Protein backbone atom coordinates (compact mmCIF):
# COMPACT_ATOMS: atom_id res chain seq x y z
CA UNK A 1 15.25 -4.06 -20.42
CA UNK A 2 14.31 -2.06 -17.36
CA UNK A 3 11.39 -0.37 -16.31
CA UNK A 4 11.87 2.21 -13.69
CA UNK A 5 8.43 3.17 -12.45
CA UNK A 6 6.18 3.66 -9.45
CA UNK A 7 3.34 1.20 -8.48
CA UNK A 8 0.23 3.73 -8.30
CA UNK A 9 1.79 5.74 -11.49
CA UNK A 10 -0.86 5.23 -14.13
CA UNK A 11 2.01 6.12 -16.76
CA UNK A 12 4.21 2.81 -15.19
CA UNK A 13 0.95 0.86 -15.49
CA UNK A 14 0.59 1.51 -18.92
CA UNK A 15 3.79 0.33 -19.60
CA UNK A 16 3.67 -3.15 -17.62
CA UNK A 17 0.47 -3.80 -19.44
CA UNK A 18 2.15 -3.05 -22.67
CA UNK A 19 5.56 -5.61 -22.11
CA UNK A 20 3.48 -8.26 -21.14
CA UNK A 21 0.90 -7.84 -23.76
CA UNK A 22 4.16 -7.74 -26.11
CA UNK A 23 5.46 -10.81 -23.95
CA UNK A 24 8.82 -8.61 -23.25
CA UNK A 25 10.36 -9.58 -20.41
CA UNK A 26 11.85 -6.95 -17.79
CA UNK A 27 13.36 -5.50 -14.89
CA UNK A 28 11.00 -3.77 -12.73
CA UNK A 29 13.00 -0.69 -10.99
CA UNK A 30 10.59 0.97 -7.98
CA UNK A 31 11.18 4.82 -7.94
CA UNK A 32 9.43 6.32 -5.26
CA UNK A 33 7.37 9.73 -6.27
CA UNK A 34 6.41 10.13 -2.75
CA UNK A 35 9.85 10.41 -1.70
CA UNK A 36 10.78 12.36 -4.13
CA UNK A 37 13.52 10.07 -5.67
CA UNK A 38 12.26 11.16 -9.73
CA UNK A 39 13.38 15.13 -8.91
CA UNK A 40 17.03 14.68 -8.27
CA UNK A 41 20.49 13.39 -7.91
CA UNK A 42 21.53 10.30 -10.83
CA UNK A 43 17.78 9.73 -11.74
CA UNK A 44 17.07 13.41 -12.76
CA UNK A 45 20.29 13.55 -14.11
CA UNK A 46 19.50 10.31 -16.39
CA UNK A 47 15.80 11.61 -17.40
CA UNK A 48 15.25 15.68 -17.51
CA UNK A 49 11.75 15.29 -17.53
CA UNK A 50 12.09 13.76 -14.03
CA UNK A 51 8.83 12.10 -14.39
CA UNK A 52 8.13 8.05 -14.86
CA UNK A 53 8.57 5.71 -16.71
CA UNK A 54 11.77 5.49 -17.37
CA UNK A 55 12.60 2.98 -20.01
CA UNK A 56 16.11 1.51 -20.00
CA UNK A 57 16.47 -0.14 -23.57
CA UNK A 58 19.06 -0.83 -26.27
CA UNK A 59 21.65 1.29 -24.55
CA UNK A 60 19.57 4.59 -24.40
CA UNK A 61 17.30 5.67 -21.55
CA UNK A 62 13.50 6.87 -23.08
CA UNK A 63 10.90 9.06 -21.19
CA UNK A 64 7.43 10.04 -22.11
CA UNK A 65 4.70 7.05 -21.35
CA UNK A 66 2.94 7.57 -25.43
CA UNK A 67 6.21 7.69 -26.80
CA UNK A 68 7.75 4.76 -26.05
CA UNK A 69 4.58 2.92 -26.11
CA UNK A 70 4.83 4.12 -29.63
CA UNK A 71 8.34 3.20 -29.59
CA UNK A 72 7.90 -0.21 -28.25
CA UNK A 73 5.64 -1.51 -31.17
CA UNK A 74 7.52 -0.22 -34.13
CA UNK A 75 11.21 -1.64 -32.36
CA UNK A 76 9.08 -5.41 -31.12
CA UNK A 77 6.46 -5.52 -34.52
CA UNK A 78 5.30 -9.04 -32.61
CA UNK A 79 1.87 -8.53 -30.55
CA UNK A 80 1.00 -5.42 -32.13
CA UNK A 81 -0.61 -2.58 -29.84
CA UNK A 82 -2.06 -1.12 -32.93
CA UNK A 83 -4.03 -2.69 -35.64
CA UNK A 84 -3.15 -2.98 -39.74
CA UNK A 85 -5.91 -1.40 -40.32
CA UNK A 86 -5.45 2.38 -40.67
CA UNK A 87 -8.58 3.66 -39.56
CA UNK A 88 -8.69 1.68 -36.41
CA UNK A 89 -5.07 2.75 -36.06
CA UNK A 90 -6.35 6.08 -36.11
CA UNK A 91 -9.46 5.23 -33.89
CA UNK A 92 -7.13 3.87 -31.20
CA UNK A 93 -4.94 6.85 -31.46
CA UNK A 94 -7.82 9.00 -30.86
CA UNK A 95 -9.35 7.47 -27.69
CA UNK A 96 -6.03 6.78 -26.20
CA UNK A 97 -4.75 10.28 -26.70
CA UNK A 98 -7.97 11.91 -25.45
CA UNK A 99 -7.28 10.32 -21.98
CA UNK A 100 -3.16 11.26 -22.09
CA UNK A 101 -3.68 14.95 -23.18
CA UNK A 102 -7.20 15.99 -21.34
CA UNK A 103 -7.06 13.54 -18.41
CA UNK A 104 -4.15 12.41 -17.23
CA UNK A 105 -2.48 15.90 -17.85
CA UNK A 106 -4.26 18.19 -15.81
CA UNK A 107 -4.45 14.95 -13.20
CA UNK A 108 -0.73 14.63 -13.08
CA UNK A 109 0.89 14.55 -9.21
CA UNK A 110 2.85 17.43 -9.58
CA UNK A 111 -0.46 19.42 -10.77
CA UNK A 112 -2.31 17.93 -7.58
CA UNK A 113 0.65 19.55 -5.59
CA UNK A 114 0.48 22.69 -7.12
CA UNK A 115 -3.18 23.06 -6.47
CA UNK A 116 -2.41 22.10 -2.48
CA UNK A 117 0.86 24.40 -2.29
CA UNK A 118 0.05 27.08 -4.02
CA UNK A 119 -3.52 27.65 -4.20
CA UNK A 120 -4.28 26.64 -0.66
CA UNK A 121 -6.87 23.91 -2.22
CA UNK A 122 -8.02 20.59 0.41
CA UNK A 123 -8.37 17.42 -0.56
CA UNK A 124 -11.72 17.42 -1.07
CA UNK A 125 -11.17 20.28 -3.81
CA UNK A 126 -8.60 18.54 -5.21
CA UNK A 127 -10.35 15.11 -5.49
CA UNK A 128 -13.28 16.79 -7.07
CA UNK A 129 -10.77 18.48 -9.80
CA UNK A 130 -9.58 15.15 -10.17
CA UNK A 131 -13.35 13.89 -11.04
CA UNK A 132 -13.95 16.71 -13.36
CA UNK A 133 -11.09 15.89 -15.61
CA UNK A 134 -12.01 12.09 -15.35
CA UNK A 135 -15.51 13.03 -16.37
CA UNK A 136 -14.70 15.07 -19.36
CA UNK A 137 -13.00 12.86 -21.06
CA UNK A 138 -14.86 9.70 -20.37
CA UNK A 139 -17.62 10.71 -21.30
CA UNK A 140 -17.00 11.29 -25.07
CA UNK A 141 -14.81 8.40 -24.95
CA UNK A 142 -18.03 6.72 -24.03
CA UNK A 143 -20.08 8.42 -27.02
CA UNK A 144 -17.36 7.34 -29.06
CA UNK A 145 -17.42 3.43 -27.72
CA UNK A 146 -21.35 3.57 -28.48
CA UNK A 147 -20.64 4.84 -32.39
CA UNK A 148 -18.16 2.19 -32.84
CA UNK A 149 -20.75 -0.75 -31.23
CA UNK A 150 -17.85 -2.22 -29.19
CA UNK A 151 -17.88 -5.52 -27.90
CA UNK A 152 -15.22 -6.67 -25.07
CA UNK A 153 -12.44 -4.51 -26.03
CA UNK A 154 -12.13 -1.52 -29.26
CA UNK A 155 -11.07 -4.11 -31.41
CA UNK A 156 -10.62 -7.60 -31.87
CA UNK A 157 -7.65 -7.84 -28.90
CA UNK A 158 -6.55 -5.37 -25.82
CA UNK A 159 -3.70 -2.85 -27.42
CA UNK A 160 -2.99 0.80 -27.29
CA UNK A 161 -6.55 1.91 -25.86
CA UNK A 162 -6.92 -0.47 -23.51
CA UNK A 163 -2.96 0.18 -21.94
CA UNK A 164 -4.00 4.01 -21.15
CA UNK A 165 -7.27 3.15 -20.75
CA UNK A 166 -7.30 0.50 -17.31
CA UNK A 167 -4.74 2.81 -15.41
CA UNK A 168 -7.68 5.60 -15.74
CA UNK A 169 -9.97 3.57 -14.42
CA UNK A 170 -7.94 2.61 -10.92
CA UNK A 171 -7.57 6.13 -11.32
CA UNK A 172 -11.09 6.77 -11.70
CA UNK A 173 -12.41 4.07 -8.67
CA UNK A 174 -9.57 5.57 -6.27
CA UNK A 175 -11.10 9.21 -6.50
CA UNK A 176 -15.33 7.53 -6.42
CA UNK A 177 -15.86 8.70 -10.27
CA UNK A 178 -19.73 7.22 -10.44
CA UNK A 179 -19.02 4.89 -13.84
CA UNK A 180 -22.74 3.75 -13.75
CA UNK A 181 -23.64 6.02 -17.00
CA UNK A 182 -20.19 4.38 -19.01
CA UNK A 183 -21.78 0.89 -19.57
CA UNK A 184 -19.18 0.49 -22.53
CA UNK A 185 -16.32 1.27 -20.09
CA UNK A 186 -16.85 -0.84 -17.52
CA UNK A 187 -17.46 -3.74 -20.00
CA UNK A 188 -14.06 -3.06 -21.29
CA UNK A 189 -12.53 -2.69 -17.95
CA UNK A 190 -14.38 -6.16 -16.97
CA UNK A 191 -13.22 -7.94 -20.10
CA UNK A 192 -9.47 -6.71 -19.52
CA UNK A 193 -8.87 -7.12 -15.59
CA UNK A 194 -8.44 -11.19 -15.35
CA UNK A 195 -6.03 -11.28 -18.01
CA UNK A 196 -2.34 -12.40 -17.67
CA UNK A 197 -1.30 -9.37 -19.03
CA UNK A 198 -3.33 -6.38 -16.99
CA UNK A 199 -3.71 -8.62 -13.49
CA UNK A 200 0.33 -8.75 -12.94
CA UNK A 201 0.70 -5.33 -14.35
CA UNK A 202 -2.01 -3.94 -11.61
CA UNK A 203 -0.65 -1.79 -8.77
CA UNK A 204 -2.03 -3.89 -6.03
CA UNK A 205 0.80 -6.64 -7.53
CA UNK A 206 3.46 -4.94 -7.81
CA UNK A 207 6.96 -4.76 -5.28
CA UNK A 208 6.95 -1.22 -4.31
CA UNK A 209 3.45 -1.31 -3.49
CA UNK A 210 3.47 -0.80 0.50
CA UNK A 211 0.46 -3.11 0.72
CA UNK A 212 1.79 -5.91 -0.92
CA UNK A 213 1.63 -9.06 1.37
CA UNK A 214 -0.73 -7.64 3.95
CA UNK A 215 -3.92 -9.62 2.72
CA UNK A 216 -4.55 -6.66 0.28
C-alpha cells in the first residue's frame, strides 16, 4: 500500500493517523503541493481531483480522504475507526464530517490561493478567514463534547473523530486560533499527541518536511 501525500496536508495527516491506528504498513510517497506536483503530469492522470492524499491499494488509486477512511475500515476491519454501536458511529461521523465539510473545505489551500489571486486578500485577511471557519465549527463541536461528557477520547479509544480532529488542531495552532474556551477539544488533543500512532503521523516527523533533521 502506498500513500501519496504532503507533510502539512491535513487530509494526508488523517490517513497517516488512520493507517497507524489500524497497524497497516504503507509506503509514503511525497507530493509537493507548493510546487504544484498534484496539478499536472502523471499524478493528475491518476487522480483527476488533483489532490492529496492518493491511496494506492489493492490495484486501485483511491482519492478523497473521508471515502478512503471509510474504505479502510471496511477492507481492514481489525482495529476499527468506528465503534460497533450505531448511535456512537453516528456521533463520530457527525463530528468528523463537520470538520471535513465545514472547516476543511473553505480552508483548503486552493481556496486560500484563490482569495489572494482573485480578490487581492492579504495574508492577514487570509489568516482571519482561516480562523473564522475553524472557530465556526470548533465552537459547536466543543458544545457537543460537553453534552456527551467525554473523557480523553470521544469514546473508549481514538477513532474517526480523533483522526479528523487532530490535523485541524495542528492547523489551528499554525494560524493562532485561541482554544482557551475549548477544554474538551484540548483534552482530547493532549491525550492523542503522545500516542505512537499520532506521533509518527505528525507533520514534524514526515520525510518531506523541509525542517526535518534541523532540530525542530
